Every structure is written in C-alpha cells, then in structure tokens.
Amino acid sequence: MTLLLEALAVALLLVGLVFVLGGTLGLVRLPDLFSRAHATGKCDSVGVGSILLGVALLGGLQVGDLKLLLLLLLSLVSGPTTAHALARAGHRSGLPVWRRPKGGDA
C-alpha cells in the first residue's frame, strides 16, 4: 500500500510541476494582461494544489497536514480571485485586448 501511495504522490508532484511550469511559460510568453492572468490563474491553482496534495501523501497523516490543507484552500481561492481582479481592473481602465494583426503571422 505504501508503494502505491508513494507512486501517487510522485505523480501528483510531477503533474503539479508541469502545470506550474506551463503557467510560468504562459506568464512570460503570452501577449497581454488578460491572457497572462488566465494562464497563471488556472495553471498555478492546479499546479500548487497537486504539489500540496503530493506532499501531504508523502508525509503521511500528521498534524502538519492541516496546514497543508489550509494552504491548499488559500491557493485555490486567492489565485483565481487575483487573476479576476487584475483582468477586471485592466478591462475597467480600458486596456485593449490583444488581437492578431490582419495579414500577419504574429
């Protein structure tokens, strides 16, 4: 049973790593605030959640798991909320949405 839990924990850690790296890549490569907020809001929530669940599984049931659960809840609420607040502020201030130039390959 422990081998199965360890394999699941490692899989969760790897999935989390892939999502966090994807969100970071989106933050660096995407062209405007709205695209960047979407990439980081989605990917970082899933990535951090997977990493925290993987760490909780690796540690076994301990008192510190309550702290990990609270961190998980905080990250699941604060990440998308922050992305939404940034996108809303950008929209209200009149920040234009990026559009592909006509006739260009950009």
Protein backbone atom coordinates (compact mmCIF):
# COMPACT_ATOMS: atom_id res chain seq x y z
CA MET A 1 0.00 0.00 0.00
CA THR A 2 2.84 2.42 0.74
CA LEU A 3 4.34 1.91 -2.69
CA LEU A 4 1.02 2.83 -4.30
CA LEU A 5 0.72 5.96 -2.15
CA GLU A 6 4.28 6.98 -2.96
CA ALA A 7 3.68 6.46 -6.67
CA LEU A 8 0.50 8.56 -6.47
CA ALA A 9 2.36 11.28 -4.54
CA VAL A 10 5.17 11.39 -7.09
CA ALA A 11 2.62 11.52 -9.92
CA LEU A 12 0.85 14.44 -8.21
CA LEU A 13 4.16 16.24 -7.73
CA LEU A 14 5.05 15.77 -11.41
CA VAL A 15 1.62 16.92 -12.58
CA GLY A 16 1.91 19.95 -10.33
CA LEU A 17 5.36 20.72 -11.69
CA VAL A 18 4.11 20.55 -15.28
CA PHE A 19 1.19 22.87 -14.54
CA VAL A 20 3.32 25.40 -12.66
CA LEU A 21 5.88 25.42 -15.46
CA GLY A 22 3.07 25.84 -18.01
CA GLY A 23 1.64 28.79 -16.08
CA THR A 24 5.07 30.37 -15.82
CA LEU A 25 5.66 29.90 -19.52
CA GLY A 26 2.27 31.48 -20.22
CA LEU A 27 3.14 34.43 -18.00
CA VAL A 28 6.34 35.02 -19.94
CA ARG A 29 5.17 34.28 -23.49
CA LEU A 30 1.55 35.45 -23.77
CA PRO A 31 0.97 38.91 -25.23
CA ASP A 32 -1.42 40.75 -22.90
CA LEU A 33 -2.67 41.01 -19.34
CA PHE A 34 -5.85 39.02 -19.96
CA SER A 35 -4.06 36.03 -21.49
CA ARG A 36 -1.40 36.07 -18.80
CA ALA A 37 -3.96 36.29 -15.99
CA HIS A 38 -5.83 33.34 -17.48
CA ALA A 39 -2.70 31.20 -17.77
CA THR A 40 -1.46 31.88 -14.27
CA GLY A 41 -4.88 31.77 -12.62
CA LYS A 42 -5.68 28.33 -13.97
CA CYS A 43 -2.31 26.61 -14.12
CA ASP A 44 -0.94 27.77 -10.80
CA SER A 45 -4.07 26.74 -8.91
CA VAL A 46 -3.99 23.22 -10.30
CA GLY A 47 -0.21 23.00 -10.02
CA VAL A 48 0.05 24.20 -6.43
CA GLY A 49 -2.93 22.05 -5.45
CA SER A 50 -1.34 18.95 -6.93
CA ILE A 51 2.01 19.67 -5.30
CA LEU A 52 0.45 20.22 -1.87
CA LEU A 53 -1.60 17.02 -2.16
CA GLY A 54 1.52 15.12 -3.20
CA VAL A 55 3.46 16.49 -0.23
CA ALA A 56 0.60 15.54 2.11
CA LEU A 57 0.60 11.98 0.76
CA LEU A 58 4.36 11.67 1.11
CA GLY A 59 4.32 12.88 4.71
CA GLY A 60 1.58 10.57 5.89
CA LEU A 61 -1.16 11.68 8.27
CA GLN A 62 0.33 14.25 10.61
CA VAL A 63 -0.63 17.45 12.37
CA GLY A 64 1.09 19.45 9.61
CA ASP A 65 -1.43 18.16 7.08
CA LEU A 66 -3.95 20.64 8.44
CA LYS A 67 -1.54 23.42 7.49
CA LEU A 68 -1.17 21.93 4.02
CA LEU A 69 -4.95 21.77 3.68
CA LEU A 70 -5.24 25.42 4.69
CA LEU A 71 -2.53 26.36 2.19
CA LEU A 72 -4.38 24.41 -0.48
CA LEU A 73 -7.65 26.21 0.24
CA LEU A 74 -5.90 29.57 0.32
CA SER A 75 -4.18 28.97 -3.02
CA LEU A 76 -7.38 27.70 -4.63
CA VAL A 77 -9.22 30.85 -3.57
CA SER A 78 -6.54 33.51 -3.92
CA GLY A 79 -5.07 32.56 -7.32
CA PRO A 80 -8.23 32.81 -9.45
CA THR A 81 -9.50 35.75 -7.38
CA THR A 82 -6.30 37.69 -8.02
CA ALA A 83 -6.39 36.87 -11.74
CA HIS A 84 -10.01 38.00 -11.92
CA ALA A 85 -9.27 41.25 -10.06
CA LEU A 86 -6.34 42.05 -12.37
CA ALA A 87 -8.34 41.30 -15.51
CA ARG A 88 -11.28 43.35 -14.25
CA ALA A 89 -9.02 46.30 -13.42
CA GLY A 90 -7.45 46.08 -16.87
CA HIS A 91 -10.86 45.97 -18.52
CA ARG A 92 -12.20 48.89 -16.49
CA SER A 93 -9.13 51.00 -17.25
CA GLY A 94 -9.64 50.44 -20.98
CA LEU A 95 -6.66 48.18 -21.59
CA PRO A 96 -7.07 46.81 -25.12
CA VAL A 97 -7.30 43.09 -25.76
CA TRP A 98 -4.52 41.75 -27.97
CA ARG A 99 -5.65 40.79 -31.45
CA ARG A 100 -3.62 39.09 -34.15
CA PRO A 101 -2.65 41.61 -36.83
CA LYS A 102 -4.52 41.10 -40.08
CA GLY A 103 -2.33 39.59 -42.76
CA GLY A 104 0.49 38.97 -40.29
CA ASP A 105 1.90 35.82 -38.80
CA ALA A 106 2.34 37.28 -35.31
